[in-house]
Amino acid sequence: MGVGAKIFLADPSMYPALSGKEGNLREAFVACAMELGGHRIHASKDETRSDFIMDEGFEIEVGGPGKARKDAADWPAPGIVPMWMIGFGW
């Protein structure tokens, strides 16, 4: 699956089997879930701002341990969507 300048495996579950990086798995999962949910998703032109642009305007930054925002958020908050909630849309 390709998202603009980024290319992902079509099935995010393949990343652990191929010793892929956890950050790539997160991004692939979000991109796959959003596309399967009927959204248009593209790689951001400015990766310092966000990872993806969804539906021509909504910016998505997939968190990680080095990000300013808490990546392992258990509960939603303004501007933060936990990974488990993204899974509900898939």
C-alpha atoms as a PDB file:
ATOM      1  CA  MET A   1       0.000   0.000   0.000  1.00  0.00           C
ATOM      2  CA  GLY A   2       1.372   3.392  -0.892  1.00  0.00           C
ATOM      3  CA  VAL A   3       0.505   6.674   0.815  1.00  0.00           C
ATOM      4  CA  GLY A   4       2.139   9.468  -1.151  1.00  0.00           C
ATOM      5  CA  ALA A   5       5.891   9.196  -0.578  1.00  0.00           C
ATOM      6  CA  LYS A   6       5.492   6.364   1.955  1.00  0.00           C
ATOM      7  CA  ILE A   7       5.117   2.701   1.061  1.00  0.00           C
ATOM      8  CA  PHE A   8       3.685   0.215   3.555  1.00  0.00           C
ATOM      9  CA  LEU A   9       2.970  -3.497   3.589  1.00  0.00           C
ATOM     10  CA  ALA A  10      -0.748  -4.049   2.990  1.00  0.00           C
ATOM     11  CA  ASP A  11      -1.083  -6.073   6.194  1.00  0.00           C
ATOM     12  CA  PRO A  12       0.375  -4.344   9.294  1.00  0.00           C
ATOM     13  CA  SER A  13       0.597  -7.684  11.118  1.00  0.00           C
ATOM     14  CA  MET A  14       3.527  -8.610   8.858  1.00  0.00           C
ATOM     15  CA  TYR A  15       5.887  -6.084  10.496  1.00  0.00           C
ATOM     16  CA  PRO A  16       6.637  -8.146  13.638  1.00  0.00           C
ATOM     17  CA  ALA A  17       7.118 -11.268  11.495  1.00  0.00           C
ATOM     18  CA  LEU A  18       9.684  -9.419   9.376  1.00  0.00           C
ATOM     19  CA  SER A  19      11.373  -7.721  12.362  1.00  0.00           C
ATOM     20  CA  GLY A  20      10.031  -4.334  11.255  1.00  0.00           C
ATOM     21  CA  LYS A  21      10.307  -1.240  13.408  1.00  0.00           C
ATOM     22  CA  GLU A  22       7.449  -0.540  15.809  1.00  0.00           C
ATOM     23  CA  GLY A  23       7.060   3.014  14.488  1.00  0.00           C
ATOM     24  CA  ASN A  24       6.561   1.717  10.944  1.00  0.00           C
ATOM     25  CA  LEU A  25       3.985  -0.756  12.244  1.00  0.00           C
ATOM     26  CA  ARG A  26       2.062   2.060  13.946  1.00  0.00           C
ATOM     27  CA  GLU A  27       2.066   4.209  10.816  1.00  0.00           C
ATOM     28  CA  ALA A  28       1.064   1.284   8.582  1.00  0.00           C
ATOM     29  CA  PHE A  29      -1.781   0.372  10.936  1.00  0.00           C
ATOM     30  CA  VAL A  30      -3.143   3.926  11.014  1.00  0.00           C
ATOM     31  CA  ALA A  31      -2.863   4.336   7.234  1.00  0.00           C
ATOM     32  CA  CYS A  32      -4.521   0.962   6.603  1.00  0.00           C
ATOM     33  CA  ALA A  33      -7.314   1.566   9.138  1.00  0.00           C
ATOM     34  CA  MET A  34      -8.108   5.006   7.743  1.00  0.00           C
ATOM     35  CA  GLU A  35      -8.139   3.810   4.127  1.00  0.00           C
ATOM     36  CA  LEU A  36     -10.329   0.809   4.967  1.00  0.00           C
ATOM     37  CA  GLY A  37     -12.617   3.214   6.822  1.00  0.00           C
ATOM     38  CA  GLY A  38     -13.199   5.085   3.568  1.00  0.00           C
ATOM     39  CA  HIS A  39     -10.903   8.051   4.197  1.00  0.00           C
ATOM     40  CA  ARG A  40      -8.421   9.508   1.723  1.00  0.00           C
ATOM     41  CA  ILE A  41      -4.981   9.574   3.310  1.00  0.00           C
ATOM     42  CA  HIS A  42      -1.720  11.000   1.950  1.00  0.00           C
ATOM     43  CA  ALA A  43       1.789  11.437   3.299  1.00  0.00           C
ATOM     44  CA  SER A  44       2.362  14.892   4.732  1.00  0.00           C
ATOM     45  CA  LYS A  45       4.660  17.147   2.726  1.00  0.00           C
ATOM     46  CA  ASP A  46       6.088  18.509   5.998  1.00  0.00           C
ATOM     47  CA  GLU A  47       6.878  15.528   8.239  1.00  0.00           C
ATOM     48  CA  THR A  48       7.912  17.846  11.073  1.00  0.00           C
ATOM     49  CA  ARG A  49       4.207  18.781  11.420  1.00  0.00           C
ATOM     50  CA  SER A  50       2.458  15.454  10.842  1.00  0.00           C
ATOM     51  CA  ASP A  51       2.807  12.010   9.262  1.00  0.00           C
ATOM     52  CA  PHE A  52      -0.378  12.021   7.188  1.00  0.00           C
ATOM     53  CA  ILE A  53      -3.082  14.299   5.818  1.00  0.00           C
ATOM     54  CA  MET A  54      -6.519  12.696   5.929  1.00  0.00           C
ATOM     55  CA  ASP A  55      -9.495  13.810   3.841  1.00  0.00           C
ATOM     56  CA  GLU A  56      -7.612  16.809   2.421  1.00  0.00           C
ATOM     57  CA  GLY A  57      -7.055  18.660   5.679  1.00  0.00           C
ATOM     58  CA  PHE A  58      -7.007  16.669   8.925  1.00  0.00           C
ATOM     59  CA  GLU A  59      -3.403  16.168  10.085  1.00  0.00           C
ATOM     60  CA  ILE A  60      -2.397  12.886  11.752  1.00  0.00           C
ATOM     61  CA  GLU A  61       0.809  12.463  13.743  1.00  0.00           C
ATOM     62  CA  VAL A  62       1.374   8.864  14.798  1.00  0.00           C
ATOM     63  CA  GLY A  63       3.042   8.925  18.194  1.00  0.00           C
ATOM     64  CA  GLY A  64       6.119   7.173  19.422  1.00  0.00           C
ATOM     65  CA  PRO A  65       8.370   7.172  22.491  1.00  0.00           C
ATOM     66  CA  GLY A  66      10.307  10.252  21.343  1.00  0.00           C
ATOM     67  CA  LYS A  67       7.257  12.354  20.464  1.00  0.00           C
ATOM     68  CA  ALA A  68       6.161  15.332  22.545  1.00  0.00           C
ATOM     69  CA  ARG A  69       2.694  13.879  23.036  1.00  0.00           C
ATOM     70  CA  LYS A  70       2.162  10.725  25.047  1.00  0.00           C
ATOM     71  CA  ASP A  71       1.962   7.851  22.559  1.00  0.00           C
ATOM     72  CA  ALA A  72       0.596   5.177  24.876  1.00  0.00           C
ATOM     73  CA  ALA A  73      -2.446   7.240  25.865  1.00  0.00           C
ATOM     74  CA  ASP A  74      -5.130   5.002  27.319  1.00  0.00           C
ATOM     75  CA  TRP A  75      -7.923   7.587  27.121  1.00  0.00           C
ATOM     76  CA  PRO A  76      -8.860  10.071  24.412  1.00  0.00           C
ATOM     77  CA  ALA A  77      -8.129  13.754  25.031  1.00  0.00           C
ATOM     78  CA  PRO A  78      -8.285  16.873  22.870  1.00  0.00           C
ATOM     79  CA  GLY A  79      -6.077  16.162  19.866  1.00  0.00           C
ATOM     80  CA  ILE A  80      -5.169  12.627  21.060  1.00  0.00           C
ATOM     81  CA  VAL A  81      -6.757   9.412  19.794  1.00  0.00           C
ATOM     82  CA  PRO A  82      -5.488   6.186  21.406  1.00  0.00           C
ATOM     83  CA  MET A  83      -4.506   3.371  19.050  1.00  0.00           C
ATOM     84  CA  TRP A  84      -7.299   1.135  20.392  1.00  0.00           C
ATOM     85  CA  MET A  85      -9.891   3.677  19.220  1.00  0.00           C
ATOM     86  CA  ILE A  86      -8.400   3.710  15.714  1.00  0.00           C
ATOM     87  CA  GLY A  87      -8.817  -0.071  15.723  1.00  0.00           C
ATOM     88  CA  PHE A  88     -12.565   0.317  16.271  1.00  0.00           C
ATOM     89  CA  GLY A  89     -12.807   2.109  12.933  1.00  0.00           C
ATOM     90  CA  TRP A  90     -11.042  -0.689  11.123  1.00  0.00           C
END
